[in-house]
Amino acid sequence: MKNKKLKKKSAVAQEKKDFFNRVYEVAKKIPYGKVTTYGDIAEACGIKSAARTVGWALNGCGPDIPAHRVVNRYGALTGKIHFGDPNLMEDLLRSEGIEFDKKGCVRLDKHLWIPKRSK
C-alpha cells in the first residue's frame, strides 16, 4: 500500500515537472515586443483550465524565461509582485515598445501573441 502511494506521488510530481517544462518552452517563444496570457499558455500546453498553474510555474522560473511577457486575460500585470521591484515588469515591457492603456493594462489589440498548441 505504501509503495502505491509513493508511485502515485512520484507520477504526480513528474506530471507537474512535465507541465512546467511545457510552460517554459512556450514562454521562451514569446516574441520581443509581444505578450501572451496565462490562459493562452495553458491552452497551448493542452490544459485550458490551468492558467493559475502557469502563473505558479512562471513564479519559480529562471532569468532565461521571459515571464514579464505574460499577463492576465485583460492585459493586467498581475505577475508584477514576483519581480522584486513592483515597476520592473512594466519597465521591461515598455523597453520592448509595449503600450499600455489608461488603466495600466497592456494594449492586447496591438501586442497579443497567441502560441500554437504543443503536441
Protein backbone atom coordinates (compact mmCIF):
# COMPACT_ATOMS: atom_id res chain seq x y z
CA MET A 1 0.00 0.00 0.00
CA LYS A 2 2.79 2.42 0.93
CA ASN A 3 4.59 1.60 -2.32
CA LYS A 4 1.46 2.50 -4.34
CA LYS A 5 1.24 5.90 -2.63
CA LEU A 6 4.91 6.60 -3.36
CA LYS A 7 4.48 5.64 -7.02
CA LYS A 8 1.39 7.85 -7.32
CA LYS A 9 3.17 10.76 -5.63
CA SER A 10 6.14 10.29 -7.95
CA ALA A 11 3.88 10.21 -11.03
CA VAL A 12 2.13 13.43 -9.95
CA ALA A 13 5.47 15.14 -9.36
CA GLN A 14 6.62 14.06 -12.84
CA GLU A 15 3.39 15.36 -14.43
CA LYS A 16 3.91 18.71 -12.69
CA LYS A 17 7.52 18.87 -13.87
CA ASP A 18 6.49 18.00 -17.44
CA PHE A 19 3.76 20.66 -17.44
CA PHE A 20 6.11 23.31 -16.04
CA ASN A 21 8.67 22.45 -18.74
CA ARG A 22 5.99 22.84 -21.44
CA VAL A 23 5.07 26.23 -19.93
CA TYR A 24 8.72 27.31 -20.09
CA GLU A 25 9.08 26.17 -23.71
CA VAL A 26 6.01 28.17 -24.76
CA ALA A 27 7.10 31.24 -22.77
CA LYS A 28 10.53 31.18 -24.44
CA LYS A 29 8.79 31.57 -27.82
CA ILE A 30 7.00 34.83 -26.96
CA PRO A 31 8.44 37.35 -29.40
CA TYR A 32 10.15 40.54 -28.27
CA GLY A 33 7.53 43.30 -28.13
CA LYS A 34 4.65 40.86 -27.65
CA VAL A 35 2.81 39.38 -24.68
CA THR A 36 0.59 36.39 -24.14
CA THR A 37 -1.77 35.40 -21.35
CA TYR A 38 -1.58 32.72 -18.69
CA GLY A 39 -4.66 31.13 -20.25
CA ASP A 40 -3.18 31.12 -23.74
CA ILE A 41 -0.09 29.33 -22.45
CA ALA A 42 -2.27 26.84 -20.56
CA GLU A 43 -4.26 26.13 -23.71
CA ALA A 44 -1.07 25.77 -25.77
CA CYS A 45 0.12 23.21 -23.20
CA GLY A 46 -3.10 21.23 -23.57
CA ILE A 47 -4.86 22.16 -20.31
CA LYS A 48 -7.12 25.14 -20.97
CA SER A 49 -8.17 25.48 -17.32
CA ALA A 50 -4.61 25.65 -15.93
CA ALA A 51 -3.95 29.41 -16.14
CA ARG A 52 -3.19 29.63 -12.40
CA THR A 53 -0.77 26.74 -12.65
CA VAL A 54 1.00 28.59 -15.47
CA GLY A 55 1.41 31.54 -13.10
CA TRP A 56 2.75 29.23 -10.43
CA ALA A 57 5.27 27.78 -12.87
CA LEU A 58 6.45 31.21 -14.01
CA ASN A 59 6.82 32.40 -10.43
CA GLY A 60 9.71 29.99 -9.98
CA CYS A 61 11.35 30.25 -13.39
CA GLY A 62 14.84 31.46 -14.13
CA PRO A 63 16.00 34.58 -15.94
CA ASP A 64 16.12 32.74 -19.28
CA ILE A 65 12.30 32.66 -19.32
CA PRO A 66 10.66 35.97 -20.35
CA ALA A 67 7.97 35.79 -17.67
CA HIS A 68 7.49 39.56 -17.90
CA ARG A 69 5.75 38.94 -21.24
CA VAL A 70 2.89 37.00 -19.62
CA VAL A 71 -0.16 38.96 -18.46
CA ASN A 72 -3.70 38.15 -17.43
CA ARG A 73 -6.54 37.97 -19.93
CA TYR A 74 -7.23 41.69 -19.58
CA GLY A 75 -3.60 42.71 -20.08
CA ALA A 76 -3.09 43.48 -16.39
CA LEU A 77 0.35 42.87 -14.88
CA THR A 78 -0.81 40.51 -12.15
CA GLY A 79 2.62 38.85 -12.00
CA LYS A 80 4.49 42.06 -11.20
CA ILE A 81 4.67 41.23 -7.48
CA HIS A 82 7.11 38.43 -8.29
CA PHE A 83 9.72 40.71 -9.86
CA GLY A 84 11.12 42.21 -6.65
CA ASP A 85 10.68 45.79 -7.85
CA PRO A 86 6.94 46.41 -8.45
CA ASN A 87 7.77 48.53 -11.52
CA LEU A 88 10.23 46.12 -13.16
CA MET A 89 7.69 44.14 -15.19
CA GLU A 90 6.17 47.30 -16.67
CA ASP A 91 9.62 48.81 -17.28
CA LEU A 92 10.76 45.69 -19.16
CA LEU A 93 7.63 45.69 -21.30
CA ARG A 94 7.89 49.41 -22.07
CA SER A 95 11.54 48.90 -23.05
CA GLU A 96 10.26 46.47 -25.71
CA GLY A 97 7.84 49.09 -27.07
CA ILE A 98 4.74 47.61 -25.48
CA GLU A 99 1.97 50.16 -24.97
CA PHE A 100 -0.45 50.44 -22.08
CA ASP A 101 -3.96 51.83 -21.84
CA LYS A 102 -5.16 54.41 -19.30
CA LYS A 103 -5.88 51.65 -16.75
CA GLY A 104 -2.30 50.39 -16.90
CA CYS A 105 -3.11 47.28 -18.92
CA VAL A 106 -1.16 46.13 -21.96
CA ARG A 107 -2.83 47.01 -25.26
CA LEU A 108 -3.66 43.44 -26.22
CA ASP A 109 -5.14 44.66 -29.50
CA LYS A 110 -1.60 45.62 -30.54
CA HIS A 111 0.70 43.28 -28.64
CA LEU A 112 -1.06 39.93 -28.06
CA TRP A 113 0.73 36.84 -29.36
CA ILE A 114 -1.19 33.57 -29.25
CA PRO A 115 1.00 30.47 -29.06
CA LYS A 116 0.30 27.38 -31.10
CA ARG A 117 -0.81 24.34 -29.19
CA SER A 118 2.08 21.99 -28.48
CA LYS A 119 1.92 18.35 -29.49
